[in-house]
Amino acid sequence: MAYGASKYDDTNPEAEKKEYIDHIEEIVQWMGWKPFKITYTSGYFQELYELAVELIKKGHAYVDHQTPDEIKEHREKKLNSPWRDRPISESLKLFEDMKNGSIEEGKATLRMKQDM
């Protein structure tokens, strides 16, 4: 049996459904892996936040205000978001506002700049 670490993508591990965690563990074991350690994304929030800030600073990410349906439509039509080319300083400020809870949940998304 192979060993590795399992990391669960969460924002609040206490609120994570037990059956979700159990299902992931079953799949990992079915594939022949046994985790030597289980971690949660929330345990790395500051590191991930800092990496995201670096992506924004380098011009590889931006804050988008499209709805999920608008994002899907733009992706299907291979169109860039209208927010894609906003100034880096603006995306940095908005991303900080997102972190601080100043923007209502779901009203902004950090997105990678990709070739559409």
PDB file of N, CA and C in Angstrom:
ATOM      1  N   MET A   1       0.847  -1.174   0.000  1.00  0.00           N
ATOM      2  CA  MET A   1       0.000   0.000   0.000  1.00  0.00           C
ATOM      3  C   MET A   1       0.890   1.235   0.000  1.00  0.00           C
ATOM      4  N   ALA A   2       0.556   2.238  -0.820  1.00  0.00           N
ATOM      5  CA  ALA A   2       1.311   3.482  -0.897  1.00  0.00           C
ATOM      6  C   ALA A   2       0.817   4.451   0.176  1.00  0.00           C
ATOM      7  N   TYR A   3       1.704   5.335   0.588  1.00  0.00           N
ATOM      8  CA  TYR A   3       1.351   6.312   1.616  1.00  0.00           C
ATOM      9  C   TYR A   3       1.506   7.717   1.068  1.00  0.00           C
ATOM     10  N   GLY A   4       0.643   8.595   1.502  1.00  0.00           N
ATOM     11  CA  GLY A   4       0.693   9.996   1.116  1.00  0.00           C
ATOM     12  C   GLY A   4      -0.163  10.798   2.070  1.00  0.00           C
ATOM     13  N   ALA A   5      -0.176  12.115   1.870  1.00  0.00           N
ATOM     14  CA  ALA A   5      -0.999  12.991   2.708  1.00  0.00           C
ATOM     15  C   ALA A   5      -2.298  13.292   1.977  1.00  0.00           C
ATOM     16  N   SER A   6      -3.388  13.386   2.707  1.00  0.00           N
ATOM     17  CA  SER A   6      -4.673  13.783   2.135  1.00  0.00           C
ATOM     18  C   SER A   6      -4.988  15.183   2.618  1.00  0.00           C
ATOM     19  N   LYS A   7      -5.362  16.052   1.669  1.00  0.00           N
ATOM     20  CA  LYS A   7      -5.743  17.407   2.045  1.00  0.00           C
ATOM     21  C   LYS A   7      -7.158  17.647   1.558  1.00  0.00           C
ATOM     22  N   TYR A   8      -8.024  18.072   2.464  1.00  0.00           N
ATOM     23  CA  TYR A   8      -9.410  18.354   2.127  1.00  0.00           C
ATOM     24  C   TYR A   8      -9.572  19.833   1.831  1.00  0.00           C
ATOM     25  N   ASP A   9     -10.273  20.129   0.739  1.00  0.00           N
ATOM     26  CA  ASP A   9     -10.531  21.499   0.340  1.00  0.00           C
ATOM     27  C   ASP A   9     -11.743  21.989   1.113  1.00  0.00           C
ATOM     28  N   ASP A  10     -11.514  22.882   2.039  1.00  0.00           N
ATOM     29  CA  ASP A  10     -12.592  23.354   2.903  1.00  0.00           C
ATOM     30  C   ASP A  10     -12.375  24.810   3.238  1.00  0.00           C
ATOM     31  N   THR A  11     -13.372  25.424   3.799  1.00  0.00           N
ATOM     32  CA  THR A  11     -13.215  26.748   4.373  1.00  0.00           C
ATOM     33  C   THR A  11     -13.424  26.699   5.875  1.00  0.00           C
ATOM     34  N   ASN A  12     -14.118  25.663   6.322  1.00  0.00           N
ATOM     35  CA  ASN A  12     -14.392  25.509   7.742  1.00  0.00           C
ATOM     36  C   ASN A  12     -14.507  24.013   8.044  1.00  0.00           C
ATOM     37  N   PRO A  13     -13.413  23.388   8.521  1.00  0.00           N
ATOM     38  CA  PRO A  13     -13.455  21.937   8.726  1.00  0.00           C
ATOM     39  C   PRO A  13     -14.538  21.480   9.694  1.00  0.00           C
ATOM     40  N   GLU A  14     -14.917  22.320  10.661  1.00  0.00           N
ATOM     41  CA  GLU A  14     -15.958  21.923  11.610  1.00  0.00           C
ATOM     42  C   GLU A  14     -17.313  21.790  10.921  1.00  0.00           C
ATOM     43  N   ALA A  15     -17.512  22.539   9.837  1.00  0.00           N
ATOM     44  CA  ALA A  15     -18.795  22.506   9.133  1.00  0.00           C
ATOM     45  C   ALA A  15     -18.806  21.464   8.018  1.00  0.00           C
ATOM     46  N   GLU A  16     -17.673  20.849   7.744  1.00  0.00           N
ATOM     47  CA  GLU A  16     -17.591  19.863   6.672  1.00  0.00           C
ATOM     48  C   GLU A  16     -18.419  18.630   7.028  1.00  0.00           C
ATOM     49  N   LYS A  17     -19.169  18.146   6.074  1.00  0.00           N
ATOM     50  CA  LYS A  17     -20.014  16.976   6.312  1.00  0.00           C
ATOM     51  C   LYS A  17     -19.146  15.733   6.461  1.00  0.00           C
ATOM     52  N   LYS A  18     -19.437  14.943   7.482  1.00  0.00           N
ATOM     53  CA  LYS A  18     -18.673  13.736   7.773  1.00  0.00           C
ATOM     54  C   LYS A  18     -18.709  12.760   6.600  1.00  0.00           C
ATOM     55  N   GLU A  19     -19.864  12.642   5.951  1.00  0.00           N
ATOM     56  CA  GLU A  19     -19.955  11.693   4.835  1.00  0.00           C
ATOM     57  C   GLU A  19     -19.063  12.105   3.662  1.00  0.00           C
ATOM     58  N   TYR A  20     -18.831  13.412   3.495  1.00  0.00           N
ATOM     59  CA  TYR A  20     -17.937  13.904   2.449  1.00  0.00           C
ATOM     60  C   TYR A  20     -16.510  13.434   2.740  1.00  0.00           C
ATOM     61  N   ILE A  21     -16.070  13.628   3.963  1.00  0.00           N
ATOM     62  CA  ILE A  21     -14.727  13.210   4.371  1.00  0.00           C
ATOM     63  C   ILE A  21     -14.599  11.690   4.264  1.00  0.00           C
ATOM     64  N   ASP A  22     -15.593  10.969   4.750  1.00  0.00           N
ATOM     65  CA  ASP A  22     -15.564   9.507   4.690  1.00  0.00           C
ATOM     66  C   ASP A  22     -15.462   9.011   3.250  1.00  0.00           C
ATOM     67  N   HIS A  23     -16.204   9.655   2.362  1.00  0.00           N
ATOM     68  CA  HIS A  23     -16.199   9.231   0.963  1.00  0.00           C
ATOM     69  C   HIS A  23     -14.812   9.428   0.342  1.00  0.00           C
ATOM     70  N   ILE A  24     -14.192  10.550   0.626  1.00  0.00           N
ATOM     71  CA  ILE A  24     -12.843  10.797   0.101  1.00  0.00           C
ATOM     72  C   ILE A  24     -11.882   9.739   0.632  1.00  0.00           C
ATOM     73  N   GLU A  25     -11.977   9.443   1.920  1.00  0.00           N
ATOM     74  CA  GLU A  25     -11.097   8.424   2.510  1.00  0.00           C
ATOM     75  C   GLU A  25     -11.318   7.061   1.857  1.00  0.00           C
ATOM     76  N   GLU A  26     -12.564   6.712   1.567  1.00  0.00           N
ATOM     77  CA  GLU A  26     -12.866   5.445   0.895  1.00  0.00           C
ATOM     78  C   GLU A  26     -12.227   5.397  -0.489  1.00  0.00           C
ATOM     79  N   ILE A  27     -12.342   6.478  -1.235  1.00  0.00           N
ATOM     80  CA  ILE A  27     -11.774   6.527  -2.585  1.00  0.00           C
ATOM     81  C   ILE A  27     -10.256   6.395  -2.529  1.00  0.00           C
ATOM     82  N   VAL A  28      -9.645   7.127  -1.599  1.00  0.00           N
ATOM     83  CA  VAL A  28      -8.182   7.075  -1.471  1.00  0.00           C
ATOM     84  C   VAL A  28      -7.744   5.658  -1.129  1.00  0.00           C
ATOM     85  N   GLN A  29      -8.424   5.015  -0.207  1.00  0.00           N
ATOM     86  CA  GLN A  29      -8.082   3.637   0.163  1.00  0.00           C
ATOM     87  C   GLN A  29      -8.342   2.677  -0.990  1.00  0.00           C
ATOM     88  N   TRP A  30      -9.427   2.883  -1.730  1.00  0.00           N
ATOM     89  CA  TRP A  30      -9.745   2.040  -2.882  1.00  0.00           C
ATOM     90  C   TRP A  30      -8.620   2.105  -3.911  1.00  0.00           C
ATOM     91  N   MET A  31      -7.995   3.297  -4.047  1.00  0.00           N
ATOM     92  CA  MET A  31      -6.898   3.458  -5.004  1.00  0.00           C
ATOM     93  C   MET A  31      -5.590   2.873  -4.471  1.00  0.00           C
ATOM     94  N   GLY A  32      -5.626   2.358  -3.248  1.00  0.00           N
ATOM     95  CA  GLY A  32      -4.441   1.723  -2.701  1.00  0.00           C
ATOM     96  C   GLY A  32      -3.545   2.646  -1.896  1.00  0.00           C
ATOM     97  N   TRP A  33      -4.080   3.783  -1.472  1.00  0.00           N
ATOM     98  CA  TRP A  33      -3.296   4.751  -0.702  1.00  0.00           C
ATOM     99  C   TRP A  33      -3.781   4.780   0.738  1.00  0.00           C
ATOM    100  N   LYS A  34      -2.863   5.035   1.631  1.00  0.00           N
ATOM    101  CA  LYS A  34      -3.209   5.206   3.045  1.00  0.00           C
ATOM    102  C   LYS A  34      -2.564   6.516   3.496  1.00  0.00           C
ATOM    103  N   PRO A  35      -3.381   7.509   3.838  1.00  0.00           N
ATOM    104  CA  PRO A  35      -2.788   8.792   4.238  1.00  0.00           C
ATOM    105  C   PRO A  35      -2.019   8.680   5.551  1.00  0.00           C
ATOM    106  N   PHE A  36      -0.836   9.259   5.571  1.00  0.00           N
ATOM    107  CA  PHE A  36      -0.068   9.311   6.811  1.00  0.00           C
ATOM    108  C   PHE A  36      -0.427  10.563   7.595  1.00  0.00           C
ATOM    109  N   LYS A  37      -1.125  11.501   6.909  1.00  0.00           N
ATOM    110  CA  LYS A  37      -1.518  12.745   7.557  1.00  0.00           C
ATOM    111  C   LYS A  37      -2.712  13.320   6.804  1.00  0.00           C
ATOM    112  N   ILE A  38      -3.648  13.897   7.536  1.00  0.00           N
ATOM    113  CA  ILE A  38      -4.799  14.558   6.937  1.00  0.00           C
ATOM    114  C   ILE A  38      -4.737  16.031   7.297  1.00  0.00           C
ATOM    115  N   THR A  39      -4.827  16.875   6.278  1.00  0.00           N
ATOM    116  CA  THR A  39      -4.791  18.320   6.504  1.00  0.00           C
ATOM    117  C   THR A  39      -6.000  18.953   5.819  1.00  0.00           C
ATOM    118  N   TYR A  40      -6.245  20.207   6.149  1.00  0.00           N
ATOM    119  CA  TYR A  40      -7.353  20.963   5.580  1.00  0.00           C
ATOM    120  C   TYR A  40      -6.821  22.239   4.954  1.00  0.00           C
ATOM    121  N   THR A  41      -7.413  22.634   3.847  1.00  0.00           N
ATOM    122  CA  THR A  41      -7.009  23.853   3.164  1.00  0.00           C
ATOM    123  C   THR A  41      -7.044  25.050   4.117  1.00  0.00           C
ATOM    124  N   SER A  42      -8.031  25.092   4.991  1.00  0.00           N
ATOM    125  CA  SER A  42      -8.154  26.228   5.908  1.00  0.00           C
ATOM    126  C   SER A  42      -6.926  26.377   6.799  1.00  0.00           C
ATOM    127  N   GLY A  43      -6.189  25.308   7.001  1.00  0.00           N
ATOM    128  CA  GLY A  43      -4.967  25.377   7.797  1.00  0.00           C
ATOM    129  C   GLY A  43      -3.839  26.099   7.076  1.00  0.00           C
ATOM    130  N   TYR A  44      -4.022  26.375   5.809  1.00  0.00           N
ATOM    131  CA  TYR A  44      -3.006  27.042   4.994  1.00  0.00           C
ATOM    132  C   TYR A  44      -3.525  28.343   4.413  1.00  0.00           C
ATOM    133  N   PHE A  45      -4.548  28.910   5.040  1.00  0.00           N
ATOM    134  CA  PHE A  45      -5.212  30.085   4.474  1.00  0.00           C
ATOM    135  C   PHE A  45      -4.233  31.212   4.175  1.00  0.00           C
ATOM    136  N   GLN A  46      -3.399  31.580   5.139  1.00  0.00           N
ATOM    137  CA  GLN A  46      -2.494  32.715   4.942  1.00  0.00           C
ATOM    138  C   GLN A  46      -1.521  32.464   3.799  1.00  0.00           C
ATOM    139  N   GLU A  47      -0.978  31.255   3.722  1.00  0.00           N
ATOM    140  CA  GLU A  47      -0.053  30.931   2.628  1.00  0.00           C
ATOM    141  C   GLU A  47      -0.752  31.011   1.276  1.00  0.00           C
ATOM    142  N   LEU A  48      -1.949  30.463   1.194  1.00  0.00           N
ATOM    143  CA  LEU A  48      -2.702  30.497  -0.055  1.00  0.00           C
ATOM    144  C   LEU A  48      -3.088  31.923  -0.423  1.00  0.00           C
ATOM    145  N   TYR A  49      -3.446  32.718   0.585  1.00  0.00           N
ATOM    146  CA  TYR A  49      -3.783  34.119   0.342  1.00  0.00           C
ATOM    147  C   TYR A  49      -2.578  34.853  -0.242  1.00  0.00           C
ATOM    148  N   GLU A  50      -1.411  34.647   0.359  1.00  0.00           N
ATOM    149  CA  GLU A  50      -0.196  35.317  -0.110  1.00  0.00           C
ATOM    150  C   GLU A  50       0.172  34.873  -1.530  1.00  0.00           C
ATOM    151  N   LEU A  51      -0.013  33.603  -1.837  1.00  0.00           N
ATOM    152  CA  LEU A  51       0.241  33.126  -3.201  1.00  0.00           C
ATOM    153  C   LEU A  51      -0.725  33.773  -4.188  1.00  0.00           C
ATOM    154  N   ALA A  52      -1.984  33.915  -3.795  1.00  0.00           N
ATOM    155  CA  ALA A  52      -2.974  34.553  -4.653  1.00  0.00           C
ATOM    156  C   ALA A  52      -2.605  36.020  -4.894  1.00  0.00           C
ATOM    157  N   VAL A  53      -2.152  36.713  -3.861  1.00  0.00           N
ATOM    158  CA  VAL A  53      -1.727  38.111  -4.006  1.00  0.00           C
ATOM    159  C   VAL A  53      -0.576  38.197  -5.011  1.00  0.00           C
ATOM    160  N   GLU A  54       0.370  37.252  -4.929  1.00  0.00           N
ATOM    161  CA  GLU A  54       1.484  37.238  -5.880  1.00  0.00           C
ATOM    162  C   GLU A  54       0.985  37.040  -7.311  1.00  0.00           C
ATOM    163  N   LEU A  55       0.009  36.166  -7.503  1.00  0.00           N
ATOM    164  CA  LEU A  55      -0.549  35.963  -8.839  1.00  0.00           C
ATOM    165  C   LEU A  55      -1.189  37.244  -9.372  1.00  0.00           C
ATOM    166  N   ILE A  56      -1.896  37.950  -8.505  1.00  0.00           N
ATOM    167  CA  ILE A  56      -2.504  39.227  -8.916  1.00  0.00           C
ATOM    168  C   ILE A  56      -1.407  40.218  -9.285  1.00  0.00           C
ATOM    169  N   LYS A  57      -0.391  40.356  -8.420  1.00  0.00           N
ATOM    170  CA  LYS A  57       0.699  41.302  -8.670  1.00  0.00           C
ATOM    171  C   LYS A  57       1.426  41.027  -9.984  1.00  0.00           C
ATOM    172  N   LYS A  58       1.543  39.753 -10.338  1.00  0.00           N
ATOM    173  CA  LYS A  58       2.227  39.382 -11.581  1.00  0.00           C
ATOM    174  C   LYS A  58       1.304  39.466 -12.800  1.00  0.00           C
ATOM    175  N   GLY A  59       0.039  39.830 -12.568  1.00  0.00           N
ATOM    176  CA  GLY A  59      -0.903  39.958 -13.675  1.00  0.00           C
ATOM    177  C   GLY A  59      -1.491  38.647 -14.145  1.00  0.00           C
ATOM    178  N   HIS A  60      -1.435  37.606 -13.302  1.00  0.00           N
ATOM    179  CA  HIS A  60      -1.944  36.293 -13.681  1.00  0.00           C
ATOM    180  C   HIS A  60      -3.316  35.977 -13.079  1.00  0.00           C
ATOM    181  N   ALA A  61      -3.857  36.878 -12.266  1.00  0.00           N
ATOM    182  CA  ALA A  61      -5.169  36.669 -11.640  1.00  0.00           C
ATOM    183  C   ALA A  61      -5.843  38.021 -11.448  1.00  0.00           C
ATOM    184  N   TYR A  62      -7.147  37.992 -11.281  1.00  0.00           N
ATOM    185  CA  TYR A  62      -7.927  39.215 -11.109  1.00  0.00           C
ATOM    186  C   TYR A  62      -9.212  38.901 -10.353  1.00  0.00           C
ATOM    187  N   VAL A  63      -9.838  39.933  -9.819  1.00  0.00           N
ATOM    188  CA  VAL A  63     -11.126  39.767  -9.145  1.00  0.00           C
ATOM    189  C   VAL A  63     -12.227  40.015 -10.170  1.00  0.00           C
ATOM    190  N   ASP A  64     -13.135  39.060 -10.261  1.00  0.00           N
ATOM    191  CA  ASP A  64     -14.218  39.077 -11.241  1.00  0.00           C
ATOM    192  C   ASP A  64     -15.554  39.222 -10.511  1.00  0.00           C
ATOM    193  N   HIS A  65     -16.484  39.935 -11.119  1.00  0.00           N
ATOM    194  CA  HIS A  65     -17.806  40.130 -10.523  1.00  0.00           C
ATOM    195  C   HIS A  65     -18.915  39.455 -11.321  1.00  0.00           C
ATOM    196  N   GLN A  66     -18.564  38.535 -12.197  1.00  0.00           N
ATOM    197  CA  GLN A  66     -19.590  37.821 -12.954  1.00  0.00           C
ATOM    198  C   GLN A  66     -20.267  36.778 -12.073  1.00  0.00           C
ATOM    199  N   THR A  67     -21.497  36.476 -12.402  1.00  0.00           N
ATOM    200  CA  THR A  67     -22.206  35.380 -11.735  1.00  0.00           C
ATOM    201  C   THR A  67     -21.669  34.064 -12.302  1.00  0.00           C
ATOM    202  N   PRO A  68     -21.909  32.946 -11.614  1.00  0.00           N
ATOM    203  CA  PRO A  68     -21.480  31.653 -12.171  1.00  0.00           C
ATOM    204  C   PRO A  68     -22.041  31.402 -13.579  1.00  0.00           C
ATOM    205  N   ASP A  69     -23.281  31.793 -13.817  1.00  0.00           N
ATOM    206  CA  ASP A  69     -23.875  31.610 -15.145  1.00  0.00           C
ATOM    207  C   ASP A  69     -23.174  32.470 -16.193  1.00  0.00           C
ATOM    208  N   GLU A  70     -22.821  33.697 -15.828  1.00  0.00           N
ATOM    209  CA  GLU A  70     -22.098  34.566 -16.765  1.00  0.00           C
ATOM    210  C   GLU A  70     -20.706  34.009 -17.060  1.00  0.00           C
ATOM    211  N   ILE A  71     -20.039  33.499 -16.025  1.00  0.00           N
ATOM    212  CA  ILE A  71     -18.716  32.898 -16.228  1.00  0.00           C
ATOM    213  C   ILE A  71     -18.826  31.735 -17.204  1.00  0.00           C
ATOM    214  N   LYS A  72     -19.826  30.874 -16.997  1.00  0.00           N
ATOM    215  CA  LYS A  72     -20.022  29.719 -17.868  1.00  0.00           C
ATOM    216  C   LYS A  72     -20.292  30.166 -19.301  1.00  0.00           C
ATOM    217  N   GLU A  73     -21.159  31.158 -19.457  1.00  0.00           N
ATOM    218  CA  GLU A  73     -21.498  31.643 -20.797  1.00  0.00           C
ATOM    219  C   GLU A  73     -20.268  32.212 -21.503  1.00  0.00           C
ATOM    220  N   HIS A  74     -19.485  33.028 -20.774  1.00  0.00           N
ATOM    221  CA  HIS A  74     -18.273  33.597 -21.370  1.00  0.00           C
ATOM    222  C   HIS A  74     -17.278  32.496 -21.740  1.00  0.00           C
ATOM    223  N   ARG A  75     -17.150  31.487 -20.888  1.00  0.00           N
ATOM    224  CA  ARG A  75     -16.223  30.381 -21.167  1.00  0.00           C
ATOM    225  C   ARG A  75     -16.660  29.626 -22.426  1.00  0.00           C
ATOM    226  N   GLU A  76     -17.962  29.334 -22.519  1.00  0.00           N
ATOM    227  CA  GLU A  76     -18.482  28.600 -23.684  1.00  0.00           C
ATOM    228  C   GLU A  76     -18.297  29.385 -24.978  1.00  0.00           C
ATOM    229  N   LYS A  77     -18.418  30.706 -24.891  1.00  0.00           N
ATOM    230  CA  LYS A  77     -18.263  31.563 -26.073  1.00  0.00           C
ATOM    231  C   LYS A  77     -16.814  31.999 -26.281  1.00  0.00           C
ATOM    232  N   LYS A  78     -15.923  31.531 -25.382  1.00  0.00           N
ATOM    233  CA  LYS A  78     -14.496  31.875 -25.433  1.00  0.00           C
ATOM    234  C   LYS A  78     -14.282  33.388 -25.388  1.00  0.00           C
ATOM    235  N   LEU A  79     -15.044  34.046 -24.503  1.00  0.00           N
ATOM    236  CA  LEU A  79     -14.940  35.487 -24.312  1.00  0.00           C
ATOM    237  C   LEU A  79     -14.272  35.783 -22.974  1.00  0.00           C
ATOM    238  N   ASN A  80     -13.453  36.814 -22.953  1.00  0.00           N
ATOM    239  CA  ASN A  80     -12.852  37.244 -21.693  1.00  0.00           C
ATOM    240  C   ASN A  80     -13.895  37.940 -20.828  1.00  0.00           C
ATOM    241  N   SER A  81     -13.686  37.863 -19.529  1.00  0.00           N
ATOM    242  CA  SER A  81     -14.529  38.582 -18.588  1.00  0.00           C
ATOM    243  C   SER A  81     -14.349  40.083 -18.787  1.00  0.00           C
ATOM    244  N   PRO A  82     -15.416  40.857 -18.590  1.00  0.00           N
ATOM    245  CA  PRO A  82     -15.260  42.315 -18.673  1.00  0.00           C
ATOM    246  C   PRO A  82     -14.362  42.864 -17.560  1.00  0.00           C
ATOM    247  N   TRP A  83     -14.093  42.073 -16.537  1.00  0.00           N
ATOM    248  CA  TRP A  83     -13.262  42.510 -15.418  1.00  0.00           C
ATOM    249  C   TRP A  83     -11.806  42.054 -15.554  1.00  0.00           C
ATOM    250  N   ARG A  84     -11.502  41.279 -16.572  1.00  0.00           N
ATOM    251  CA  ARG A  84     -10.190  40.639 -16.716  1.00  0.00           C
ATOM    252  C   ARG A  84      -9.036  41.644 -16.738  1.00  0.00           C
ATOM    253  N   ASP A  85      -9.229  42.787 -17.357  1.00  0.00           N
ATOM    254  CA  ASP A  85      -8.136  43.740 -17.526  1.00  0.00           C
ATOM    255  C   ASP A  85      -8.209  44.927 -16.561  1.00  0.00           C
ATOM    256  N   ARG A  86      -8.902  44.737 -15.444  1.00  0.00           N
ATOM    257  CA  ARG A  86      -8.947  45.821 -14.464  1.00  0.00           C
ATOM    258  C   ARG A  86      -7.542  46.030 -13.913  1.00  0.00           C
ATOM    259  N   PRO A  87      -7.225  47.226 -13.411  1.00  0.00           N
ATOM    260  CA  PRO A  87      -5.888  47.481 -12.880  1.00  0.00           C
ATOM    261  C   PRO A  87      -5.526  46.526 -11.730  1.00  0.00           C
ATOM    262  N   ILE A  88      -4.262  46.146 -11.688  1.00  0.00           N
ATOM    263  CA  ILE A  88      -3.774  45.248 -10.639  1.00  0.00           C
ATOM    264  C   ILE A  88      -4.083  45.816  -9.263  1.00  0.00           C
ATOM    265  N   SER A  89      -3.875  47.107  -9.092  1.00  0.00           N
ATOM    266  CA  SER A  89      -4.116  47.727  -7.781  1.00  0.00           C
ATOM    267  C   SER A  89      -5.580  47.572  -7.360  1.00  0.00           C
ATOM    268  N   GLU A  90      -6.484  47.643  -8.314  1.00  0.00           N
ATOM    269  CA  GLU A  90      -7.908  47.483  -8.015  1.00  0.00           C
ATOM    270  C   GLU A  90      -8.219  46.041  -7.597  1.00  0.00           C
ATOM    271  N   SER A  91      -7.652  45.070  -8.324  1.00  0.00           N
ATOM    272  CA  SER A  91      -7.868  43.672  -7.946  1.00  0.00           C
ATOM    273  C   SER A  91      -7.279  43.381  -6.571  1.00  0.00           C
ATOM    274  N   LEU A  92      -6.108  43.954  -6.276  1.00  0.00           N
ATOM    275  CA  LEU A  92      -5.498  43.745  -4.951  1.00  0.00           C
ATOM    276  C   LEU A  92      -6.398  44.280  -3.846  1.00  0.00           C
ATOM    277  N   LYS A  93      -6.953  45.471  -4.051  1.00  0.00           N
ATOM    278  CA  LYS A  93      -7.832  46.076  -3.046  1.00  0.00           C
ATOM    279  C   LYS A  93      -9.103  45.242  -2.884  1.00  0.00           C
ATOM    280  N   LEU A  94      -9.694  44.838  -3.988  1.00  0.00           N
ATOM    281  CA  LEU A  94     -10.922  44.036  -3.926  1.00  0.00           C
ATOM    282  C   LEU A  94     -10.662  42.674  -3.277  1.00  0.00           C
ATOM    283  N   PHE A  95      -9.501  42.073  -3.569  1.00  0.00           N
ATOM    284  CA  PHE A  95      -9.186  40.781  -2.978  1.00  0.00           C
ATOM    285  C   PHE A  95      -9.021  40.907  -1.466  1.00  0.00           C
ATOM    286  N   GLU A  96      -8.415  41.988  -1.032  1.00  0.00           N
ATOM    287  CA  GLU A  96      -8.299  42.236   0.414  1.00  0.00           C
ATOM    288  C   GLU A  96      -9.694  42.435   1.021  1.00  0.00           C
ATOM    289  N   ASP A  97     -10.555  43.167   0.312  1.00  0.00           N
ATOM    290  CA  ASP A  97     -11.934  43.354   0.778  1.00  0.00           C
ATOM    291  C   ASP A  97     -12.656  42.011   0.888  1.00  0.00           C
ATOM    292  N   MET A  98     -12.403  41.110  -0.063  1.00  0.00           N
ATOM    293  CA  MET A  98     -13.007  39.773  -0.009  1.00  0.00           C
ATOM    294  C   MET A  98     -12.537  39.054   1.254  1.00  0.00           C
ATOM    295  N   LYS A  99     -11.232  39.118   1.520  1.00  0.00           N
ATOM    296  CA  LYS A  99     -10.663  38.445   2.698  1.00  0.00           C
ATOM    297  C   LYS A  99     -11.272  38.993   3.984  1.00  0.00           C
ATOM    298  N   ASN A 100     -11.483  40.293   4.018  1.00  0.00           N
ATOM    299  CA  ASN A 100     -11.996  40.947   5.226  1.00  0.00           C
ATOM    300  C   ASN A 100     -13.512  40.859   5.357  1.00  0.00           C
ATOM    301  N   GLY A 101     -14.182  40.255   4.394  1.00  0.00           N
ATOM    302  CA  GLY A 101     -15.633  40.108   4.467  1.00  0.00           C
ATOM    303  C   GLY A 101     -16.400  41.350   4.068  1.00  0.00           C
ATOM    304  N   SER A 102     -15.726  42.302   3.416  1.00  0.00           N
ATOM    305  CA  SER A 102     -16.392  43.543   3.008  1.00  0.00           C
ATOM    306  C   SER A 102     -17.238  43.367   1.756  1.00  0.00           C
ATOM    307  N   ILE A 103     -17.007  42.284   1.037  1.00  0.00           N
ATOM    308  CA  ILE A 103     -17.788  41.994  -0.169  1.00  0.00           C
ATOM    309  C   ILE A 103     -18.667  40.793   0.132  1.00  0.00           C
ATOM    310  N   GLU A 104     -19.936  40.913  -0.189  1.00  0.00           N
ATOM    311  CA  GLU A 104     -20.888  39.833   0.078  1.00  0.00           C
ATOM    312  C   GLU A 104     -20.432  38.545  -0.613  1.00  0.00           C
ATOM    313  N   GLU A 105     -20.533  37.435   0.106  1.00  0.00           N
ATOM    314  CA  GLU A 105     -20.106  36.152  -0.430  1.00  0.00           C
ATOM    315  C   GLU A 105     -20.804  35.854  -1.752  1.00  0.00           C
ATOM    316  N   GLY A 106     -20.020  35.440  -2.735  1.00  0.00           N
ATOM    317  CA  GLY A 106     -20.556  35.110  -4.050  1.00  0.00           C
ATOM    318  C   GLY A 106     -20.606  36.277  -5.017  1.00  0.00           C
ATOM    319  N   LYS A 107     -20.288  37.478  -4.553  1.00  0.00           N
ATOM    320  CA  LYS A 107     -20.349  38.664  -5.413  1.00  0.00           C
ATOM    321  C   LYS A 107     -19.026  38.948  -6.116  1.00  0.00           C
ATOM    322  N   ALA A 108     -17.973  38.243  -5.739  1.00  0.00           N
ATOM    323  CA  ALA A 108     -16.671  38.416  -6.374  1.00  0.00           C
ATOM    324  C   ALA A 108     -15.916  37.096  -6.302  1.00  0.00           C
ATOM    325  N   THR A 109     -15.103  36.849  -7.307  1.00  0.00           N
ATOM    326  CA  THR A 109     -14.328  35.610  -7.403  1.00  0.00           C
ATOM    327  C   THR A 109     -12.936  35.943  -7.870  1.00  0.00           C
ATOM    328  N   LEU A 110     -11.939  35.307  -7.278  1.00  0.00           N
ATOM    329  CA  LEU A 110     -10.583  35.439  -7.794  1.00  0.00           C
ATOM    330  C   LEU A 110     -10.449  34.459  -8.943  1.00  0.00           C
ATOM    331  N   ARG A 111     -10.036  34.963 -10.091  1.00  0.00           N
ATOM    332  CA  ARG A 111      -9.916  34.098 -11.273  1.00  0.00           C
ATOM    333  C   ARG A 111      -8.543  34.204 -11.884  1.00  0.00           C
ATOM    334  N   MET A 112      -8.078  33.100 -12.416  1.00  0.00           N
ATOM    335  CA  MET A 112      -6.822  33.060 -13.133  1.00  0.00           C
ATOM    336  C   MET A 112      -7.033  33.628 -14.529  1.00  0.00           C
ATOM    337  N   LYS A 113      -6.050  34.367 -15.014  1.00  0.00           N
ATOM    338  CA  LYS A 113      -6.109  34.813 -16.392  1.00  0.00           C
ATOM    339  C   LYS A 113      -5.649  33.648 -17.249  1.00  0.00           C
ATOM    340  N   GLN A 114      -6.540  33.207 -18.115  1.00  0.00           N
ATOM    341  CA  GLN A 114      -6.200  32.097 -18.998  1.00  0.00           C
ATOM    342  C   GLN A 114      -6.532  32.476 -20.429  1.00  0.00           C
ATOM    343  N   ASP A 115      -5.927  31.794 -21.344  1.00  0.00           N
ATOM    344  CA  ASP A 115      -6.171  32.044 -22.751  1.00  0.00           C
ATOM    345  C   ASP A 115      -7.534  31.450 -23.116  1.00  0.00           C
ATOM    346  N   MET A 116      -8.463  32.280 -23.457  1.00  0.00           N
ATOM    347  CA  MET A 116      -9.796  31.801 -23.807  1.00  0.00           C
ATOM    348  C   MET A 116      -9.814  31.275 -25.231  1.00  0.00           C
TER     349      MET A 116
END
